[in-house]
Amino acid sequence: MATKVHLAQRPEADELLGRSPLAALVGMLLDQQIPMEWAFSGPYTIVQRLGSDDLDAHEIAAHDPERFAAVLSEKPAVHRYPGAMAKRVQQLCQYLVENYDGDAEKVWQGVDSGKELFKRLHGLPGFGKQKAQIFLALLGKQYGIRPEGWREAAGAYGEEGSHRSVADITGPESLAKVRAFKQEQKTAAKGTK
């Protein structure tokens, strides 16, 4: 899966995201109510604090919940809600252990259609419809995981040339475009209330 990404906007964190399927999934899981770069830097911070060079689903799933929460809570915290997110990361890893032998890449390996891949992603703990569609778009646009119908299954996030989500971030310029799009959406939503 090794690829070059610019999601965290930090070379060492992006290097991990580019080579680790689990880090990419965890980054996506963390991507809510905090800036995208902070979310996608989270896996690298966790790896550093665990004294490893990659995330291991078996290790995280088996980790004592209070100790794992402490890992995410240590200053600077991995997330705005480190305790809740520690629980979610562990739930995701437990699901991967039970359903994919702890191998995050197996979520998308051998998938024949975008519809099937969406169903698998949507089945992951913490992955609602929107998060599953965004991650599907990220896999297609930046990781080269493109089963038939992937763009359709990703909805608007799969559109070529769009700047809607983390799937479209390839550097500082595209990050600014995604931020501008999100701000437009917030402004439009406020106007309809």
C-alpha atoms as a PDB file:
ATOM      1  CA  MET A   1       0.000   0.000   0.000  1.00  0.00           C
ATOM      2  CA  ALA A   2       2.997   2.344   0.316  1.00  0.00           C
ATOM      3  CA  THR A   3       2.257   5.735  -1.175  1.00  0.00           C
ATOM      4  CA  LYS A   4       3.132   9.363  -0.507  1.00  0.00           C
ATOM      5  CA  VAL A   5       0.413  11.362   1.225  1.00  0.00           C
ATOM      6  CA  HIS A   6       0.190  14.829   2.778  1.00  0.00           C
ATOM      7  CA  LEU A   7      -2.722  14.390   5.175  1.00  0.00           C
ATOM      8  CA  ALA A   8      -0.998  15.356   8.431  1.00  0.00           C
ATOM      9  CA  GLN A   9       1.207  17.985   6.787  1.00  0.00           C
ATOM     10  CA  ARG A  10       4.081  16.546   8.875  1.00  0.00           C
ATOM     11  CA  PRO A  11       6.612  14.406   6.951  1.00  0.00           C
ATOM     12  CA  GLU A  12       7.098  11.738   9.651  1.00  0.00           C
ATOM     13  CA  ALA A  13       3.345  11.379  10.286  1.00  0.00           C
ATOM     14  CA  ASP A  14       2.582  11.328   6.550  1.00  0.00           C
ATOM     15  CA  GLU A  15       5.248   8.668   5.981  1.00  0.00           C
ATOM     16  CA  LEU A  16       3.479   6.401   8.489  1.00  0.00           C
ATOM     17  CA  LEU A  17       0.081   7.080   6.885  1.00  0.00           C
ATOM     18  CA  GLY A  18       1.531   6.246   3.479  1.00  0.00           C
ATOM     19  CA  ARG A  19       2.792   2.805   4.523  1.00  0.00           C
ATOM     20  CA  SER A  20       0.416   1.695   7.280  1.00  0.00           C
ATOM     21  CA  PRO A  21      -3.194   0.748   6.445  1.00  0.00           C
ATOM     22  CA  LEU A  22      -4.067   0.748  10.155  1.00  0.00           C
ATOM     23  CA  ALA A  23      -2.586   4.225  10.664  1.00  0.00           C
ATOM     24  CA  ALA A  24      -4.693   5.523   7.767  1.00  0.00           C
ATOM     25  CA  LEU A  25      -7.864   3.971   9.250  1.00  0.00           C
ATOM     26  CA  VAL A  26      -7.097   5.329  12.720  1.00  0.00           C
ATOM     27  CA  GLY A  27      -6.390   8.791  11.293  1.00  0.00           C
ATOM     28  CA  MET A  28      -9.768   8.715   9.552  1.00  0.00           C
ATOM     29  CA  LEU A  29     -11.445   7.547  12.758  1.00  0.00           C
ATOM     30  CA  LEU A  30      -9.893  10.465  14.674  1.00  0.00           C
ATOM     31  CA  ASP A  31     -10.971  12.969  12.002  1.00  0.00           C
ATOM     32  CA  GLN A  32     -13.905  14.600  13.739  1.00  0.00           C
ATOM     33  CA  GLN A  33     -14.256  17.783  15.762  1.00  0.00           C
ATOM     34  CA  ILE A  34     -10.549  18.599  15.363  1.00  0.00           C
ATOM     35  CA  PRO A  35      -8.457  19.909  12.445  1.00  0.00           C
ATOM     36  CA  MET A  36      -7.637  17.253   9.836  1.00  0.00           C
ATOM     37  CA  GLU A  37      -3.884  17.593  10.326  1.00  0.00           C
ATOM     38  CA  TRP A  38      -4.250  16.969  14.056  1.00  0.00           C
ATOM     39  CA  ALA A  39      -6.384  13.877  13.412  1.00  0.00           C
ATOM     40  CA  PHE A  40      -4.009  12.390  10.863  1.00  0.00           C
ATOM     41  CA  SER A  41      -0.981  13.138  13.048  1.00  0.00           C
ATOM     42  CA  GLY A  42      -2.621  11.073  15.799  1.00  0.00           C
ATOM     43  CA  PRO A  43      -1.444   7.644  14.595  1.00  0.00           C
ATOM     44  CA  TYR A  44       2.178   8.841  14.553  1.00  0.00           C
ATOM     45  CA  THR A  45       1.829  10.255  18.070  1.00  0.00           C
ATOM     46  CA  ILE A  46       0.354   6.950  19.282  1.00  0.00           C
ATOM     47  CA  VAL A  47       3.191   4.979  17.649  1.00  0.00           C
ATOM     48  CA  GLN A  48       5.781   7.193  19.339  1.00  0.00           C
ATOM     49  CA  ARG A  49       4.150   6.868  22.732  1.00  0.00           C
ATOM     50  CA  LEU A  50       3.888   3.079  22.407  1.00  0.00           C
ATOM     51  CA  GLY A  51       7.572   2.933  21.420  1.00  0.00           C
ATOM     52  CA  SER A  52       6.907   1.226  18.097  1.00  0.00           C
ATOM     53  CA  ASP A  53       7.319   1.936  14.397  1.00  0.00           C
ATOM     54  CA  ASP A  54       3.748   1.010  13.410  1.00  0.00           C
ATOM     55  CA  LEU A  55       0.338   0.465  14.931  1.00  0.00           C
ATOM     56  CA  ASP A  56      -0.573  -3.141  15.729  1.00  0.00           C
ATOM     57  CA  ALA A  57      -4.284  -3.988  15.941  1.00  0.00           C
ATOM     58  CA  HIS A  58      -3.646  -7.017  18.173  1.00  0.00           C
ATOM     59  CA  GLU A  59      -1.544  -4.962  20.603  1.00  0.00           C
ATOM     60  CA  ILE A  60      -4.009  -2.064  20.747  1.00  0.00           C
ATOM     61  CA  ALA A  61      -7.038  -4.351  21.106  1.00  0.00           C
ATOM     62  CA  ALA A  62      -5.376  -6.158  24.038  1.00  0.00           C
ATOM     63  CA  HIS A  63      -4.105  -2.974  25.712  1.00  0.00           C
ATOM     64  CA  ASP A  64      -5.530  -2.104  29.107  1.00  0.00           C
ATOM     65  CA  PRO A  65      -8.269   0.482  28.316  1.00  0.00           C
ATOM     66  CA  GLU A  66      -7.233   2.897  31.075  1.00  0.00           C
ATOM     67  CA  ARG A  67      -3.581   2.761  30.059  1.00  0.00           C
ATOM     68  CA  PHE A  68      -4.456   3.212  26.392  1.00  0.00           C
ATOM     69  CA  ALA A  69      -6.627   6.215  27.284  1.00  0.00           C
ATOM     70  CA  ALA A  70      -3.640   7.621  29.191  1.00  0.00           C
ATOM     71  CA  VAL A  71      -1.483   7.220  26.052  1.00  0.00           C
ATOM     72  CA  LEU A  72      -3.938   9.354  24.073  1.00  0.00           C
ATOM     73  CA  SER A  73      -4.473  11.825  26.937  1.00  0.00           C
ATOM     74  CA  GLU A  74      -0.794  12.603  27.536  1.00  0.00           C
ATOM     75  CA  LYS A  75      -0.031  16.233  26.647  1.00  0.00           C
ATOM     76  CA  PRO A  76      -0.407  17.208  23.922  1.00  0.00           C
ATOM     77  CA  ALA A  77      -3.507  15.013  23.679  1.00  0.00           C
ATOM     78  CA  VAL A  78      -4.066  13.008  20.500  1.00  0.00           C
ATOM     79  CA  HIS A  79      -7.645  14.299  20.271  1.00  0.00           C
ATOM     80  CA  ARG A  80      -9.945  16.849  21.822  1.00  0.00           C
ATOM     81  CA  TYR A  81     -11.739  13.883  23.479  1.00  0.00           C
ATOM     82  CA  PRO A  82      -8.836  11.505  24.151  1.00  0.00           C
ATOM     83  CA  GLY A  83     -10.692   9.093  26.443  1.00  0.00           C
ATOM     84  CA  ALA A  84     -13.622   8.593  24.074  1.00  0.00           C
ATOM     85  CA  MET A  85     -11.303   8.278  21.079  1.00  0.00           C
ATOM     86  CA  ALA A  86      -9.062   5.772  22.865  1.00  0.00           C
ATOM     87  CA  LYS A  87     -12.143   3.603  23.331  1.00  0.00           C
ATOM     88  CA  ARG A  88     -13.095   3.989  19.654  1.00  0.00           C
ATOM     89  CA  VAL A  89      -9.580   3.139  18.449  1.00  0.00           C
ATOM     90  CA  GLN A  90      -9.608   0.018  20.611  1.00  0.00           C
ATOM     91  CA  GLN A  91     -13.063  -0.956  19.312  1.00  0.00           C
ATOM     92  CA  LEU A  92     -11.836  -0.553  15.735  1.00  0.00           C
ATOM     93  CA  CYS A  93      -8.757  -2.679  16.451  1.00  0.00           C
ATOM     94  CA  GLN A  94     -10.840  -5.353  18.203  1.00  0.00           C
ATOM     95  CA  TYR A  95     -13.138  -5.499  15.172  1.00  0.00           C
ATOM     96  CA  LEU A  96     -10.142  -5.828  12.849  1.00  0.00           C
ATOM     97  CA  VAL A  97      -8.707  -8.647  14.995  1.00  0.00           C
ATOM     98  CA  GLU A  98     -12.039 -10.501  15.029  1.00  0.00           C
ATOM     99  CA  ASN A  99     -12.902 -10.007  11.339  1.00  0.00           C
ATOM    100  CA  TYR A 100      -9.636  -9.432   9.459  1.00  0.00           C
ATOM    101  CA  ASP A 101      -6.944 -11.183  11.541  1.00  0.00           C
ATOM    102  CA  GLY A 102      -5.823  -7.742  12.724  1.00  0.00           C
ATOM    103  CA  ASP A 103      -4.787  -6.742   9.185  1.00  0.00           C
ATOM    104  CA  ALA A 104      -6.432  -3.432   8.238  1.00  0.00           C
ATOM    105  CA  GLU A 105      -5.474  -3.854   4.580  1.00  0.00           C
ATOM    106  CA  LYS A 106      -7.714  -6.927   4.361  1.00  0.00           C
ATOM    107  CA  VAL A 107     -10.695  -4.571   4.646  1.00  0.00           C
ATOM    108  CA  TRP A 108     -10.128  -3.614   1.005  1.00  0.00           C
ATOM    109  CA  GLN A 109      -8.068  -6.490  -0.384  1.00  0.00           C
ATOM    110  CA  GLY A 110      -9.888  -8.629  -2.928  1.00  0.00           C
ATOM    111  CA  VAL A 111     -12.947  -6.374  -3.005  1.00  0.00           C
ATOM    112  CA  ASP A 112     -14.690  -6.536  -6.397  1.00  0.00           C
ATOM    113  CA  SER A 113     -16.850  -3.423  -6.263  1.00  0.00           C
ATOM    114  CA  GLY A 114     -17.025   0.011  -4.741  1.00  0.00           C
ATOM    115  CA  LYS A 115     -20.375  -0.954  -3.271  1.00  0.00           C
ATOM    116  CA  GLU A 116     -18.809  -3.914  -1.424  1.00  0.00           C
ATOM    117  CA  LEU A 117     -15.903  -1.782  -0.206  1.00  0.00           C
ATOM    118  CA  PHE A 118     -18.314   0.871   1.064  1.00  0.00           C
ATOM    119  CA  LYS A 119     -20.266  -1.837   2.913  1.00  0.00           C
ATOM    120  CA  ARG A 120     -17.063  -3.108   4.572  1.00  0.00           C
ATOM    121  CA  LEU A 121     -15.932   0.387   5.570  1.00  0.00           C
ATOM    122  CA  HIS A 122     -19.386   1.334   6.821  1.00  0.00           C
ATOM    123  CA  GLY A 123     -19.325  -1.802   8.977  1.00  0.00           C
ATOM    124  CA  LEU A 124     -16.232  -0.621  10.860  1.00  0.00           C
ATOM    125  CA  PRO A 125     -16.826   0.779  14.357  1.00  0.00           C
ATOM    126  CA  GLY A 126     -16.904   4.567  14.219  1.00  0.00           C
ATOM    127  CA  PHE A 127     -17.403   4.698  10.435  1.00  0.00           C
ATOM    128  CA  GLY A 128     -20.778   6.176   9.575  1.00  0.00           C
ATOM    129  CA  LYS A 129     -21.910   6.700   5.987  1.00  0.00           C
ATOM    130  CA  GLN A 130     -20.013   9.953   5.424  1.00  0.00           C
ATOM    131  CA  LYS A 131     -16.767   8.734   7.006  1.00  0.00           C
ATOM    132  CA  ALA A 132     -16.952   5.492   4.994  1.00  0.00           C
ATOM    133  CA  GLN A 133     -17.505   7.444   1.767  1.00  0.00           C
ATOM    134  CA  ILE A 134     -14.640   9.835   2.498  1.00  0.00           C
ATOM    135  CA  PHE A 135     -12.255   6.971   3.304  1.00  0.00           C
ATOM    136  CA  LEU A 136     -13.365   5.123   0.160  1.00  0.00           C
ATOM    137  CA  ALA A 137     -12.576   8.281  -1.843  1.00  0.00           C
ATOM    138  CA  LEU A 138      -9.215   8.564  -0.072  1.00  0.00           C
ATOM    139  CA  LEU A 139      -8.362   4.963  -0.959  1.00  0.00           C
ATOM    140  CA  GLY A 140      -9.293   5.538  -4.591  1.00  0.00           C
ATOM    141  CA  LYS A 141      -7.757   8.950  -5.100  1.00  0.00           C
ATOM    142  CA  GLN A 142      -4.510   8.564  -3.149  1.00  0.00           C
ATOM    143  CA  TYR A 143      -3.846   4.891  -2.431  1.00  0.00           C
ATOM    144  CA  GLY A 144      -4.809   3.422  -5.828  1.00  0.00           C
ATOM    145  CA  ILE A 145      -7.510   1.139  -4.379  1.00  0.00           C
ATOM    146  CA  ARG A 146     -10.090   1.423  -7.155  1.00  0.00           C
ATOM    147  CA  PRO A 147     -12.579  -1.431  -7.410  1.00  0.00           C
ATOM    148  CA  GLU A 148     -15.228  -1.027 -10.093  1.00  0.00           C
ATOM    149  CA  GLY A 149     -17.735   1.679  -9.147  1.00  0.00           C
ATOM    150  CA  TRP A 150     -15.599   3.174  -6.378  1.00  0.00           C
ATOM    151  CA  ARG A 151     -16.312   6.784  -7.358  1.00  0.00           C
ATOM    152  CA  GLU A 152     -20.075   6.190  -7.330  1.00  0.00           C
ATOM    153  CA  ALA A 153     -19.895   4.396  -3.970  1.00  0.00           C
ATOM    154  CA  ALA A 154     -17.913   7.331  -2.536  1.00  0.00           C
ATOM    155  CA  GLY A 155     -20.681   9.730  -3.590  1.00  0.00           C
ATOM    156  CA  ALA A 156     -19.699  13.371  -4.071  1.00  0.00           C
ATOM    157  CA  TYR A 157     -16.373  12.658  -2.310  1.00  0.00           C
ATOM    158  CA  GLY A 158     -15.337  10.504  -5.264  1.00  0.00           C
ATOM    159  CA  GLU A 159     -15.763  13.280  -7.823  1.00  0.00           C
ATOM    160  CA  GLU A 160     -12.626  14.005  -9.771  1.00  0.00           C
ATOM    161  CA  GLY A 161     -11.207  17.474  -9.171  1.00  0.00           C
ATOM    162  CA  SER A 162     -13.304  18.096  -6.073  1.00  0.00           C
ATOM    163  CA  HIS A 163     -11.968  19.648  -2.878  1.00  0.00           C
ATOM    164  CA  ARG A 164     -14.496  18.353  -0.346  1.00  0.00           C
ATOM    165  CA  SER A 165     -12.535  16.257   2.110  1.00  0.00           C
ATOM    166  CA  VAL A 166      -9.263  14.786   3.295  1.00  0.00           C
ATOM    167  CA  ALA A 167      -9.418  12.553   0.198  1.00  0.00           C
ATOM    168  CA  ASP A 168      -8.508  15.617  -1.869  1.00  0.00           C
ATOM    169  CA  ILE A 169      -5.571  16.889   0.185  1.00  0.00           C
ATOM    170  CA  THR A 170      -2.267  16.562  -1.619  1.00  0.00           C
ATOM    171  CA  GLY A 171      -0.477  19.538  -0.061  1.00  0.00           C
ATOM    172  CA  PRO A 172      -0.971  22.965   1.530  1.00  0.00           C
ATOM    173  CA  GLU A 173      -2.767  24.450  -1.509  1.00  0.00           C
ATOM    174  CA  SER A 174      -5.385  21.689  -1.708  1.00  0.00           C
ATOM    175  CA  LEU A 175      -5.776  21.796   2.091  1.00  0.00           C
ATOM    176  CA  ALA A 176      -6.700  25.488   1.782  1.00  0.00           C
ATOM    177  CA  LYS A 177      -9.262  24.630  -0.931  1.00  0.00           C
ATOM    178  CA  VAL A 178     -10.821  21.904   1.237  1.00  0.00           C
ATOM    179  CA  ARG A 179     -10.987  24.306   4.189  1.00  0.00           C
ATOM    180  CA  ALA A 180     -12.665  26.929   1.994  1.00  0.00           C
ATOM    181  CA  PHE A 181     -15.221  24.347   0.791  1.00  0.00           C
ATOM    182  CA  LYS A 182     -15.991  23.276   4.375  1.00  0.00           C
ATOM    183  CA  GLN A 183     -16.402  26.917   5.432  1.00  0.00           C
ATOM    184  CA  GLU A 184     -18.828  27.496   2.527  1.00  0.00           C
ATOM    185  CA  GLN A 185     -20.823  24.459   3.671  1.00  0.00           C
ATOM    186  CA  LYS A 186     -21.009  25.749   7.261  1.00  0.00           C
ATOM    187  CA  THR A 187     -22.083  29.200   6.083  1.00  0.00           C
ATOM    188  CA  ALA A 188     -24.745  27.680   3.805  1.00  0.00           C
ATOM    189  CA  ALA A 189     -26.015  25.446   6.626  1.00  0.00           C
ATOM    190  CA  LYS A 190     -26.353  28.441   8.960  1.00  0.00           C
ATOM    191  CA  GLY A 191     -28.290  30.303   6.286  1.00  0.00           C
ATOM    192  CA  THR A 192     -30.897  27.535   6.014  1.00  0.00           C
ATOM    193  CA  LYS A 193     -31.661  27.422   9.752  1.00  0.00           C
END
